[in-house]
Protein backbone atom coordinates (compact mmCIF):
# COMPACT_ATOMS: atom_id res chain seq x y z
CA MET A 1 -96.48 97.55 57.14
CA SER A 2 -94.92 97.10 60.65
CA TYR A 3 -96.32 96.06 63.91
CA ARG A 4 -95.14 94.33 67.13
CA VAL A 5 -95.73 90.73 67.87
CA GLU A 6 -94.84 89.03 71.09
CA ALA A 7 -93.51 85.52 70.53
CA ILE A 8 -91.84 82.70 72.32
CA PHE A 9 -88.78 80.73 70.74
CA GLU A 10 -89.44 77.05 71.04
CA ASN A 11 -87.79 74.30 69.22
CA GLY A 12 -86.07 76.69 66.73
CA ILE A 13 -89.38 78.27 65.80
CA PHE A 14 -90.77 81.70 66.78
CA ARG A 15 -94.30 80.98 68.03
CA PRO A 16 -96.60 84.21 68.27
CA GLU A 17 -98.49 84.64 71.65
CA SER A 18 -101.45 85.82 69.96
CA PRO A 19 -103.02 85.29 66.38
CA VAL A 20 -101.35 87.08 63.54
CA ASP A 21 -102.96 88.30 60.29
CA MET A 22 -100.62 86.75 57.80
CA VAL A 23 -100.48 84.22 54.89
CA GLU A 24 -98.90 80.87 55.51
CA GLY A 25 -95.35 81.04 54.36
CA GLN A 26 -95.09 84.78 54.18
CA ARG A 27 -91.66 86.12 54.73
CA VAL A 28 -91.16 88.63 57.55
CA SER A 29 -88.11 90.62 58.95
CA LEU A 30 -87.68 90.12 62.81
CA SER A 31 -86.12 92.56 65.21
CA ILE A 32 -85.45 90.68 68.49
CA ASP A 33 -85.87 92.34 71.95
CA THR A 34 -85.29 89.83 74.68
CA GLU A 35 -87.00 90.16 78.00
CA LEU A 36 -85.61 89.49 81.47
CA ALA A 37 -86.88 86.22 82.96
CA GLY A 38 -89.76 86.68 85.37
CA VAL A 39 -89.31 86.15 89.22
CA ASP A 40 -90.86 82.69 88.83
CA GLU A 41 -88.42 81.76 86.05
CA LEU A 42 -85.45 82.60 88.30
CA ASN A 43 -85.52 79.34 90.38
CA ASP A 44 -81.77 78.87 90.76
CA VAL A 45 -80.21 82.47 91.42
CA THR A 46 -76.90 81.01 92.66
CA ASP A 47 -75.26 81.16 89.22
CA LEU A 48 -76.33 84.95 89.16
CA LEU A 49 -74.27 85.64 92.28
CA ASP A 50 -70.68 86.82 92.27
CA THR A 51 -69.31 84.35 94.92
CA GLU A 52 -65.85 85.77 95.01
CA PHE A 53 -67.37 89.05 95.95
CA VAL A 54 -69.51 87.61 98.57
CA ASP A 55 -66.62 85.68 100.08
CA SER A 56 -64.66 88.89 100.03
CA CYS A 57 -67.33 90.68 101.97
CA ARG A 58 -67.45 87.74 104.52
CA GLN A 59 -63.82 88.16 105.16
CA ARG A 60 -64.05 92.05 105.64
CA ALA A 61 -67.03 91.52 108.03
CA VAL A 62 -65.00 89.28 110.17
CA ASP A 63 -62.37 92.12 110.58
CA ALA A 64 -64.99 94.79 111.17
CA PRO A 65 -65.06 96.60 114.67
CA SER A 66 -67.85 95.47 117.12
CA LEU A 67 -70.60 97.73 117.87
CA GLU A 68 -69.30 98.64 121.18
CA GLU A 69 -65.87 99.76 119.48
CA VAL A 70 -67.74 101.94 117.09
CA ARG A 71 -69.78 103.48 119.95
CA ARG A 72 -66.65 104.19 121.88
CA SER A 73 -64.88 105.79 118.82
CA LEU A 74 -68.09 108.07 118.20
CA SER A 75 -68.47 109.00 121.83
CA ILE A 76 -65.83 111.69 121.40
CA PHE A 77 -68.18 113.85 119.31
CA ALA A 78 -70.27 115.96 121.30
CA GLY A 79 -73.91 116.09 120.16
CA SER A 80 -75.20 114.29 116.87
CA LEU A 81 -72.73 113.19 114.34
CA ALA A 82 -75.30 114.27 111.53
CA ASP A 83 -75.04 117.84 113.02
CA ARG A 84 -71.29 117.79 112.84
CA ILE A 85 -71.41 116.69 109.33
CA SER A 86 -73.84 119.52 108.55
CA GLU A 87 -71.60 122.00 110.26
CA GLU A 88 -68.54 120.77 108.33
CA ARG A 89 -70.43 121.13 104.97
CA ASP A 90 -71.73 124.72 106.09
CA GLU A 91 -67.94 125.76 106.65
CA ARG A 92 -67.15 125.02 102.93
């Protein structure tokens, strides 16, 4: 017989979250599917961040052109840039 039981692992013991119909001492076979921690359980997310990547992004952001420089560069296009991209795709 096979059925699914949700359990919590505490102090080296699997504790079912709801009552189970079993005889004390009965042997079972477990298949473990771990669940991701809930939002409330992720109090300290700093260890989940790739700090080297974040630092790399910060460095690249320093070298990024200003909004005014981008506007000046794009001003050479007549009309909408989206229209230009669509026209270029249609030519293919």
